[in-house]
């Protein structure tokens, strides 16, 4: 199983391969990626018929999470999903 985590450190994304044995996940290795590298790595996984799971880290930015979700959808030709981002003005009253 592969997971894509987004984070704030040096690179916004971490692609992690985990072993899932009897309900226990153990990381096997991790690869840190920039935005321009993520789609290429996802396409390599698709060629091997492996679809990752997207997991945000506690410190991830929403824009990076949405980028990763869009990259996964693009790699798997999922044209039925859309991400809509609307800026929030904190000065407005609801």
PDB file of N, CA and C in Angstrom:
ATOM      1  N   UNK A   1       0.839  -1.160   0.000  1.00  0.00           N
ATOM      2  CA  UNK A   1       0.000   0.000   0.000  1.00  0.00           C
ATOM      3  C   UNK A   1       0.891   1.232   0.000  1.00  0.00           C
ATOM      4  N   UNK A   2       0.525   2.222  -0.765  1.00  0.00           N
ATOM      5  CA  UNK A   2       1.231   3.498  -0.796  1.00  0.00           C
ATOM      6  C   UNK A   2       0.319   4.578  -0.220  1.00  0.00           C
ATOM      7  N   UNK A   3       0.919   5.524   0.475  1.00  0.00           N
ATOM      8  CA  UNK A   3       0.179   6.657   1.009  1.00  0.00           C
ATOM      9  C   UNK A   3       0.883   7.932   0.556  1.00  0.00           C
ATOM     10  N   UNK A   4       0.110   8.939   0.262  1.00  0.00           N
ATOM     11  CA  UNK A   4       0.665  10.259  -0.016  1.00  0.00           C
ATOM     12  C   UNK A   4       0.306  11.132   1.169  1.00  0.00           C
ATOM     13  N   UNK A   5       1.316  11.632   1.857  1.00  0.00           N
ATOM     14  CA  UNK A   5       1.100  12.561   2.959  1.00  0.00           C
ATOM     15  C   UNK A   5       1.551  13.928   2.495  1.00  0.00           C
ATOM     16  N   UNK A   6       0.848  14.952   2.920  1.00  0.00           N
ATOM     17  CA  UNK A   6       1.355  16.282   2.624  1.00  0.00           C
ATOM     18  C   UNK A   6       1.805  16.926   3.925  1.00  0.00           C
ATOM     19  N   UNK A   7       2.856  17.699   3.819  1.00  0.00           N
ATOM     20  CA  UNK A   7       3.518  18.261   4.987  1.00  0.00           C
ATOM     21  C   UNK A   7       4.135  19.597   4.630  1.00  0.00           C
ATOM     22  N   UNK A   8       4.669  20.311   5.624  1.00  0.00           N
ATOM     23  CA  UNK A   8       5.235  21.636   5.377  1.00  0.00           C
ATOM     24  C   UNK A   8       6.759  21.613   5.328  1.00  0.00           C
ATOM     25  N   UNK A   9       7.417  20.610   5.733  1.00  0.00           N
ATOM     26  CA  UNK A   9       8.863  20.586   5.839  1.00  0.00           C
ATOM     27  C   UNK A   9       9.539  21.113   4.582  1.00  0.00           C
ATOM     28  N   UNK A  10      10.583  20.509   4.136  1.00  0.00           N
ATOM     29  CA  UNK A  10      11.324  20.964   2.970  1.00  0.00           C
ATOM     30  C   UNK A  10      10.517  20.737   1.696  1.00  0.00           C
ATOM     31  N   UNK A  11       9.840  19.624   1.616  1.00  0.00           N
ATOM     32  CA  UNK A  11       9.006  19.308   0.466  1.00  0.00           C
ATOM     33  C   UNK A  11       7.577  19.120   0.944  1.00  0.00           C
ATOM     34  N   UNK A  12       6.607  19.493   0.130  1.00  0.00           N
ATOM     35  CA  UNK A  12       5.227  19.417   0.612  1.00  0.00           C
ATOM     36  C   UNK A  12       4.620  18.005   0.615  1.00  0.00           C
ATOM     37  N   UNK A  13       5.260  17.026  -0.038  1.00  0.00           N
ATOM     38  CA  UNK A  13       4.640  15.708  -0.145  1.00  0.00           C
ATOM     39  C   UNK A  13       5.603  14.593   0.241  1.00  0.00           C
ATOM     40  N   UNK A  14       5.050  13.554   0.820  1.00  0.00           N
ATOM     41  CA  UNK A  14       5.837  12.376   1.181  1.00  0.00           C
ATOM     42  C   UNK A  14       5.058  11.155   0.700  1.00  0.00           C
ATOM     43  N   UNK A  15       5.674  10.376  -0.173  1.00  0.00           N
ATOM     44  CA  UNK A  15       5.087   9.145  -0.673  1.00  0.00           C
ATOM     45  C   UNK A  15       5.670   8.010   0.151  1.00  0.00           C
ATOM     46  N   UNK A  16       4.812   7.289   0.870  1.00  0.00           N
ATOM     47  CA  UNK A  16       5.262   6.270   1.809  1.00  0.00           C
ATOM     48  C   UNK A  16       4.727   4.916   1.376  1.00  0.00           C
ATOM     49  N   UNK A  17       5.610   3.922   1.334  1.00  0.00           N
ATOM     50  CA  UNK A  17       5.165   2.557   1.087  1.00  0.00           C
ATOM     51  C   UNK A  17       5.088   1.864   2.442  1.00  0.00           C
ATOM     52  N   UNK A  18       3.930   1.268   2.705  1.00  0.00           N
ATOM     53  CA  UNK A  18       3.732   0.602   3.987  1.00  0.00           C
ATOM     54  C   UNK A  18       3.377  -0.861   3.780  1.00  0.00           C
ATOM     55  N   UNK A  19       3.703  -1.646   4.766  1.00  0.00           N
ATOM     56  CA  UNK A  19       3.317  -3.046   4.792  1.00  0.00           C
ATOM     57  C   UNK A  19       2.109  -3.149   5.714  1.00  0.00           C
ATOM     58  N   UNK A  20       1.053  -3.771   5.258  1.00  0.00           N
ATOM     59  CA  UNK A  20      -0.157  -3.908   6.059  1.00  0.00           C
ATOM     60  C   UNK A  20      -0.373  -5.384   6.342  1.00  0.00           C
ATOM     61  N   UNK A  21       0.077  -5.821   7.506  1.00  0.00           N
ATOM     62  CA  UNK A  21      -0.035  -7.219   7.896  1.00  0.00           C
ATOM     63  C   UNK A  21      -0.899  -7.313   9.145  1.00  0.00           C
ATOM     64  N   UNK A  22      -1.969  -8.055   9.057  1.00  0.00           N
ATOM     65  CA  UNK A  22      -2.886  -8.283  10.169  1.00  0.00           C
ATOM     66  C   UNK A  22      -3.335  -6.986  10.819  1.00  0.00           C
ATOM     67  N   UNK A  23      -3.691  -5.994   9.998  1.00  0.00           N
ATOM     68  CA  UNK A  23      -4.204  -4.728  10.500  1.00  0.00           C
ATOM     69  C   UNK A  23      -3.166  -3.787  11.072  1.00  0.00           C
ATOM     70  N   UNK A  24      -1.891  -4.119  10.968  1.00  0.00           N
ATOM     71  CA  UNK A  24      -0.826  -3.258  11.476  1.00  0.00           C
ATOM     72  C   UNK A  24      -0.013  -2.713  10.307  1.00  0.00           C
ATOM     73  N   UNK A  25       0.080  -1.394  10.196  1.00  0.00           N
ATOM     74  CA  UNK A  25       0.825  -0.759   9.105  1.00  0.00           C
ATOM     75  C   UNK A  25       2.239  -0.423   9.556  1.00  0.00           C
ATOM     76  N   UNK A  26       3.208  -0.837   8.759  1.00  0.00           N
ATOM     77  CA  UNK A  26       4.607  -0.551   9.039  1.00  0.00           C
ATOM     78  C   UNK A  26       5.223   0.146   7.831  1.00  0.00           C
ATOM     79  N   UNK A  27       5.766   1.373   8.009  1.00  0.00           N
ATOM     80  CA  UNK A  27       6.408   2.048   6.871  1.00  0.00           C
ATOM     81  C   UNK A  27       7.638   1.274   6.395  1.00  0.00           C
ATOM     82  N   UNK A  28       7.730   1.074   5.072  1.00  0.00           N
ATOM     83  CA  UNK A  28       8.889   0.404   4.493  1.00  0.00           C
ATOM     84  C   UNK A  28       9.911   1.416   3.986  1.00  0.00           C
ATOM     85  N   UNK A  29       9.441   2.480   3.334  1.00  0.00           N
ATOM     86  CA  UNK A  29      10.322   3.573   2.930  1.00  0.00           C
ATOM     87  C   UNK A  29       9.477   4.793   2.606  1.00  0.00           C
ATOM     88  N   UNK A  30      10.129   5.934   2.541  1.00  0.00           N
ATOM     89  CA  UNK A  30       9.438   7.187   2.227  1.00  0.00           C
ATOM     90  C   UNK A  30      10.244   7.958   1.195  1.00  0.00           C
ATOM     91  N   UNK A  31       9.524   8.651   0.336  1.00  0.00           N
ATOM     92  CA  UNK A  31      10.145   9.480  -0.695  1.00  0.00           C
ATOM     93  C   UNK A  31       9.527  10.872  -0.589  1.00  0.00           C
ATOM     94  N   UNK A  32      10.365  11.886  -0.432  1.00  0.00           N
ATOM     95  CA  UNK A  32       9.889  13.256  -0.322  1.00  0.00           C
ATOM     96  C   UNK A  32       9.849  13.881  -1.708  1.00  0.00           C
ATOM     97  N   UNK A  33       8.741  14.563  -2.016  1.00  0.00           N
ATOM     98  CA  UNK A  33       8.520  15.075  -3.367  1.00  0.00           C
ATOM     99  C   UNK A  33       8.077  16.528  -3.364  1.00  0.00           C
ATOM    100  N   UNK A  34       8.474  17.224  -4.423  1.00  0.00           N
ATOM    101  CA  UNK A  34       7.970  18.561  -4.698  1.00  0.00           C
ATOM    102  C   UNK A  34       6.705  18.426  -5.551  1.00  0.00           C
ATOM    103  N   UNK A  35       5.988  19.535  -5.715  1.00  0.00           N
ATOM    104  CA  UNK A  35       4.756  19.517  -6.533  1.00  0.00           C
ATOM    105  C   UNK A  35       4.998  18.983  -7.940  1.00  0.00           C
ATOM    106  N   UNK A  36       6.084  19.428  -8.565  1.00  0.00           N
ATOM    107  CA  UNK A  36       6.325  19.034  -9.951  1.00  0.00           C
ATOM    108  C   UNK A  36       6.753  17.574 -10.085  1.00  0.00           C
ATOM    109  N   UNK A  37       7.073  16.918  -8.988  1.00  0.00           N
ATOM    110  CA  UNK A  37       7.472  15.510  -9.025  1.00  0.00           C
ATOM    111  C   UNK A  37       6.325  14.557  -8.695  1.00  0.00           C
ATOM    112  N   UNK A  38       5.291  15.051  -8.004  1.00  0.00           N
ATOM    113  CA  UNK A  38       4.235  14.184  -7.484  1.00  0.00           C
ATOM    114  C   UNK A  38       3.464  13.467  -8.587  1.00  0.00           C
ATOM    115  N   UNK A  39       3.010  14.176  -9.600  1.00  0.00           N
ATOM    116  CA  UNK A  39       2.204  13.553 -10.646  1.00  0.00           C
ATOM    117  C   UNK A  39       2.977  12.454 -11.370  1.00  0.00           C
ATOM    118  N   UNK A  40       4.248  12.686 -11.658  1.00  0.00           N
ATOM    119  CA  UNK A  40       5.061  11.668 -12.318  1.00  0.00           C
ATOM    120  C   UNK A  40       5.160  10.394 -11.498  1.00  0.00           C
ATOM    121  N   UNK A  41       5.356  10.531 -10.191  1.00  0.00           N
ATOM    122  CA  UNK A  41       5.430   9.357  -9.317  1.00  0.00           C
ATOM    123  C   UNK A  41       4.088   8.640  -9.239  1.00  0.00           C
ATOM    124  N   UNK A  42       3.001   9.406  -9.218  1.00  0.00           N
ATOM    125  CA  UNK A  42       1.672   8.793  -9.200  1.00  0.00           C
ATOM    126  C   UNK A  42       1.403   8.029 -10.492  1.00  0.00           C
ATOM    127  N   UNK A  43       1.854   8.572 -11.604  1.00  0.00           N
ATOM    128  CA  UNK A  43       1.671   7.880 -12.884  1.00  0.00           C
ATOM    129  C   UNK A  43       2.477   6.583 -12.933  1.00  0.00           C
ATOM    130  N   UNK A  44       3.662   6.572 -12.303  1.00  0.00           N
ATOM    131  CA  UNK A  44       4.435   5.324 -12.214  1.00  0.00           C
ATOM    132  C   UNK A  44       3.691   4.282 -11.375  1.00  0.00           C
ATOM    133  N   UNK A  45       3.062   4.733 -10.293  1.00  0.00           N
ATOM    134  CA  UNK A  45       2.270   3.802  -9.475  1.00  0.00           C
ATOM    135  C   UNK A  45       1.074   3.268 -10.262  1.00  0.00           C
ATOM    136  N   UNK A  46       0.435   4.157 -11.034  1.00  0.00           N
ATOM    137  CA  UNK A  46      -0.714   3.717 -11.841  1.00  0.00           C
ATOM    138  C   UNK A  46      -0.283   2.647 -12.845  1.00  0.00           C
ATOM    139  N   UNK A  47       0.890   2.809 -13.440  1.00  0.00           N
ATOM    140  CA  UNK A  47       1.392   1.822 -14.406  1.00  0.00           C
ATOM    141  C   UNK A  47       1.562   0.453 -13.745  1.00  0.00           C
ATOM    142  N   UNK A  48       1.774   0.459 -12.428  1.00  0.00           N
ATOM    143  CA  UNK A  48       1.898  -0.799 -11.676  1.00  0.00           C
ATOM    144  C   UNK A  48       0.579  -1.198 -11.029  1.00  0.00           C
ATOM    145  N   UNK A  49      -0.512  -0.460 -11.354  1.00  0.00           N
ATOM    146  CA  UNK A  49      -1.855  -0.709 -10.836  1.00  0.00           C
ATOM    147  C   UNK A  49      -1.912  -0.572  -9.305  1.00  0.00           C
ATOM    148  N   UNK A  50      -1.219   0.449  -8.787  1.00  0.00           N
ATOM    149  CA  UNK A  50      -1.206   0.727  -7.351  1.00  0.00           C
ATOM    150  C   UNK A  50      -1.771   2.124  -7.136  1.00  0.00           C
ATOM    151  N   UNK A  51      -2.909   2.222  -6.447  1.00  0.00           N
ATOM    152  CA  UNK A  51      -3.493   3.530  -6.163  1.00  0.00           C
ATOM    153  C   UNK A  51      -3.238   3.887  -4.702  1.00  0.00           C
ATOM    154  N   UNK A  52      -2.621   5.054  -4.460  1.00  0.00           N
ATOM    155  CA  UNK A  52      -2.297   5.432  -3.085  1.00  0.00           C
ATOM    156  C   UNK A  52      -3.513   5.957  -2.323  1.00  0.00           C
ATOM    157  N   UNK A  53      -3.338   6.062  -1.020  1.00  0.00           N
ATOM    158  CA  UNK A  53      -4.320   6.654  -0.123  1.00  0.00           C
ATOM    159  C   UNK A  53      -3.762   8.012   0.281  1.00  0.00           C
ATOM    160  N   UNK A  54      -4.592   9.037   0.294  1.00  0.00           N
ATOM    161  CA  UNK A  54      -4.142  10.385   0.645  1.00  0.00           C
ATOM    162  C   UNK A  54      -4.393  10.646   2.122  1.00  0.00           C
ATOM    163  N   UNK A  55      -3.321  10.959   2.852  1.00  0.00           N
ATOM    164  CA  UNK A  55      -3.411  11.256   4.285  1.00  0.00           C
ATOM    165  C   UNK A  55      -2.751  12.595   4.572  1.00  0.00           C
ATOM    166  N   UNK A  56      -3.492  13.558   5.111  1.00  0.00           N
ATOM    167  CA  UNK A  56      -2.854  14.831   5.461  1.00  0.00           C
ATOM    168  C   UNK A  56      -2.110  14.699   6.788  1.00  0.00           C
ATOM    169  N   UNK A  57      -0.986  15.409   6.895  1.00  0.00           N
ATOM    170  CA  UNK A  57      -0.297  15.462   8.178  1.00  0.00           C
ATOM    171  C   UNK A  57      -0.921  16.592   8.993  1.00  0.00           C
ATOM    172  N   UNK A  58      -0.615  16.635  10.270  1.00  0.00           N
ATOM    173  CA  UNK A  58      -1.207  17.655  11.145  1.00  0.00           C
ATOM    174  C   UNK A  58      -0.803  19.068  10.744  1.00  0.00           C
ATOM    175  N   UNK A  59       0.362  19.203  10.125  1.00  0.00           N
ATOM    176  CA  UNK A  59       0.866  20.531   9.767  1.00  0.00           C
ATOM    177  C   UNK A  59       0.713  20.850   8.283  1.00  0.00           C
ATOM    178  N   UNK A  60      -0.055  20.054   7.563  1.00  0.00           N
ATOM    179  CA  UNK A  60      -0.166  20.267   6.114  1.00  0.00           C
ATOM    180  C   UNK A  60      -1.024  21.480   5.784  1.00  0.00           C
ATOM    181  N   UNK A  61      -0.747  22.051   4.637  1.00  0.00           N
ATOM    182  CA  UNK A  61      -1.531  23.165   4.132  1.00  0.00           C
ATOM    183  C   UNK A  61      -2.687  22.629   3.296  1.00  0.00           C
ATOM    184  N   UNK A  62      -3.826  23.279   3.384  1.00  0.00           N
ATOM    185  CA  UNK A  62      -4.999  22.847   2.617  1.00  0.00           C
ATOM    186  C   UNK A  62      -4.709  22.852   1.127  1.00  0.00           C
ATOM    187  N   UNK A  63      -3.982  23.856   0.643  1.00  0.00           N
ATOM    188  CA  UNK A  63      -3.704  23.933  -0.794  1.00  0.00           C
ATOM    189  C   UNK A  63      -2.860  22.746  -1.255  1.00  0.00           C
ATOM    190  N   UNK A  64      -1.941  22.272  -0.409  1.00  0.00           N
ATOM    191  CA  UNK A  64      -1.144  21.101  -0.772  1.00  0.00           C
ATOM    192  C   UNK A  64      -1.990  19.833  -0.752  1.00  0.00           C
ATOM    193  N   UNK A  65      -2.893  19.733   0.217  1.00  0.00           N
ATOM    194  CA  UNK A  65      -3.791  18.585   0.284  1.00  0.00           C
ATOM    195  C   UNK A  65      -4.666  18.525  -0.969  1.00  0.00           C
ATOM    196  N   UNK A  66      -5.225  19.658  -1.363  1.00  0.00           N
ATOM    197  CA  UNK A  66      -6.079  19.699  -2.555  1.00  0.00           C
ATOM    198  C   UNK A  66      -5.270  19.414  -3.820  1.00  0.00           C
ATOM    199  N   UNK A  67      -4.026  19.895  -3.863  1.00  0.00           N
ATOM    200  CA  UNK A  67      -3.169  19.602  -5.010  1.00  0.00           C
ATOM    201  C   UNK A  67      -2.935  18.095  -5.122  1.00  0.00           C
ATOM    202  N   UNK A  68      -2.628  17.449  -3.991  1.00  0.00           N
ATOM    203  CA  UNK A  68      -2.388  16.000  -3.988  1.00  0.00           C
ATOM    204  C   UNK A  68      -3.647  15.241  -4.397  1.00  0.00           C
ATOM    205  N   UNK A  69      -4.804  15.669  -3.903  1.00  0.00           N
ATOM    206  CA  UNK A  69      -6.069  15.018  -4.273  1.00  0.00           C
ATOM    207  C   UNK A  69      -6.313  15.164  -5.772  1.00  0.00           C
ATOM    208  N   UNK A  70      -6.048  16.349  -6.304  1.00  0.00           N
ATOM    209  CA  UNK A  70      -6.217  16.568  -7.737  1.00  0.00           C
ATOM    210  C   UNK A  70      -5.237  15.760  -8.570  1.00  0.00           C
ATOM    211  N   UNK A  71      -4.000  15.631  -8.072  1.00  0.00           N
ATOM    212  CA  UNK A  71      -2.993  14.846  -8.802  1.00  0.00           C
ATOM    213  C   UNK A  71      -3.375  13.374  -8.842  1.00  0.00           C
ATOM    214  N   UNK A  72      -3.897  12.857  -7.737  1.00  0.00           N
ATOM    215  CA  UNK A  72      -4.347  11.463  -7.725  1.00  0.00           C
ATOM    216  C   UNK A  72      -5.511  11.275  -8.694  1.00  0.00           C
ATOM    217  N   UNK A  73      -6.471  12.196  -8.671  1.00  0.00           N
ATOM    218  CA  UNK A  73      -7.611  12.113  -9.592  1.00  0.00           C
ATOM    219  C   UNK A  73      -7.149  12.205 -11.042  1.00  0.00           C
ATOM    220  N   UNK A  74      -6.184  13.070 -11.305  1.00  0.00           N
ATOM    221  CA  UNK A  74      -5.682  13.223 -12.680  1.00  0.00           C
ATOM    222  C   UNK A  74      -4.942  11.970 -13.144  1.00  0.00           C
ATOM    223  N   UNK A  75      -4.127  11.398 -12.274  1.00  0.00           N
ATOM    224  CA  UNK A  75      -3.372  10.203 -12.643  1.00  0.00           C
ATOM    225  C   UNK A  75      -4.292   9.030 -12.944  1.00  0.00           C
ATOM    226  N   UNK A  76      -5.422   8.959 -12.248  1.00  0.00           N
ATOM    227  CA  UNK A  76      -6.354   7.842 -12.464  1.00  0.00           C
ATOM    228  C   UNK A  76      -7.531   8.240 -13.345  1.00  0.00           C
ATOM    229  N   UNK A  77      -7.391   9.348 -14.066  1.00  0.00           N
ATOM    230  CA  UNK A  77      -8.418   9.808 -15.010  1.00  0.00           C
ATOM    231  C   UNK A  77      -9.801   9.870 -14.374  1.00  0.00           C
ATOM    232  N   UNK A  78      -9.853  10.335 -13.156  1.00  0.00           N
ATOM    233  CA  UNK A  78     -11.132  10.449 -12.473  1.00  0.00           C
ATOM    234  C   UNK A  78     -11.742  11.798 -12.828  1.00  0.00           C
ATOM    235  N   UNK A  79     -12.509  11.824 -13.896  1.00  0.00           N
ATOM    236  CA  UNK A  79     -13.079  13.080 -14.373  1.00  0.00           C
ATOM    237  C   UNK A  79     -14.395  13.414 -13.679  1.00  0.00           C
ATOM    238  N   UNK A  80     -14.869  12.537 -12.827  1.00  0.00           N
ATOM    239  CA  UNK A  80     -16.142  12.781 -12.163  1.00  0.00           C
ATOM    240  C   UNK A  80     -15.989  13.519 -10.842  1.00  0.00           C
ATOM    241  N   UNK A  81     -14.777  13.855 -10.428  1.00  0.00           N
ATOM    242  CA  UNK A  81     -14.606  14.557  -9.156  1.00  0.00           C
ATOM    243  C   UNK A  81     -14.078  15.963  -9.393  1.00  0.00           C
ATOM    244  N   UNK A  82     -14.481  16.869  -8.534  1.00  0.00           N
ATOM    245  CA  UNK A  82     -14.036  18.256  -8.618  1.00  0.00           C
ATOM    246  C   UNK A  82     -13.701  18.746  -7.227  1.00  0.00           C
ATOM    247  N   UNK A  83     -12.676  19.552  -7.131  1.00  0.00           N
ATOM    248  CA  UNK A  83     -12.347  20.220  -5.873  1.00  0.00           C
ATOM    249  C   UNK A  83     -12.648  21.698  -6.064  1.00  0.00           C
ATOM    250  N   UNK A  84     -13.459  22.249  -5.200  1.00  0.00           N
ATOM    251  CA  UNK A  84     -13.830  23.660  -5.281  1.00  0.00           C
ATOM    252  C   UNK A  84     -13.246  24.358  -4.069  1.00  0.00           C
ATOM    253  N   UNK A  85     -12.455  25.387  -4.336  1.00  0.00           N
ATOM    254  CA  UNK A  85     -11.824  26.137  -3.263  1.00  0.00           C
ATOM    255  C   UNK A  85     -12.372  27.551  -3.284  1.00  0.00           C
ATOM    256  N   UNK A  86     -12.895  27.973  -2.161  1.00  0.00           N
ATOM    257  CA  UNK A  86     -13.437  29.331  -2.048  1.00  0.00           C
ATOM    258  C   UNK A  86     -12.695  30.041  -0.919  1.00  0.00           C
ATOM    259  N   UNK A  87     -12.010  31.129  -1.222  1.00  0.00           N
ATOM    260  CA  UNK A  87     -11.322  31.872  -0.156  1.00  0.00           C
ATOM    261  C   UNK A  87     -12.333  32.356   0.889  1.00  0.00           C
ATOM    262  N   UNK A  88     -11.925  32.327   2.124  1.00  0.00           N
ATOM    263  CA  UNK A  88     -12.788  32.770   3.216  1.00  0.00           C
ATOM    264  C   UNK A  88     -12.259  34.085   3.743  1.00  0.00           C
ATOM    265  N   UNK A  89     -13.113  35.080   3.799  1.00  0.00           N
ATOM    266  CA  UNK A  89     -12.749  36.379   4.362  1.00  0.00           C
ATOM    267  C   UNK A  89     -13.155  36.342   5.829  1.00  0.00           C
ATOM    268  N   UNK A  90     -12.175  36.313   6.707  1.00  0.00           N
ATOM    269  CA  UNK A  90     -12.462  36.191   8.140  1.00  0.00           C
ATOM    270  C   UNK A  90     -13.164  37.447   8.691  1.00  0.00           C
ATOM    271  N   UNK A  91     -13.163  38.550   7.944  1.00  0.00           N
ATOM    272  CA  UNK A  91     -13.829  39.755   8.402  1.00  0.00           C
ATOM    273  C   UNK A  91     -15.333  39.702   8.158  1.00  0.00           C
ATOM    274  N   UNK A  92     -15.768  38.817   7.268  1.00  0.00           N
ATOM    275  CA  UNK A  92     -17.198  38.703   6.981  1.00  0.00           C
ATOM    276  C   UNK A  92     -17.920  38.009   8.124  1.00  0.00           C
ATOM    277  N   UNK A  93     -19.151  38.425   8.353  1.00  0.00           N
ATOM    278  CA  UNK A  93     -19.975  37.761   9.350  1.00  0.00           C
ATOM    279  C   UNK A  93     -20.827  36.714   8.654  1.00  0.00           C
ATOM    280  N   UNK A  94     -21.083  35.630   9.342  1.00  0.00           N
ATOM    281  CA  UNK A  94     -21.873  34.554   8.744  1.00  0.00           C
ATOM    282  C   UNK A  94     -23.249  34.507   9.312  1.00  0.00           C
TER     283      UNK A  94
END
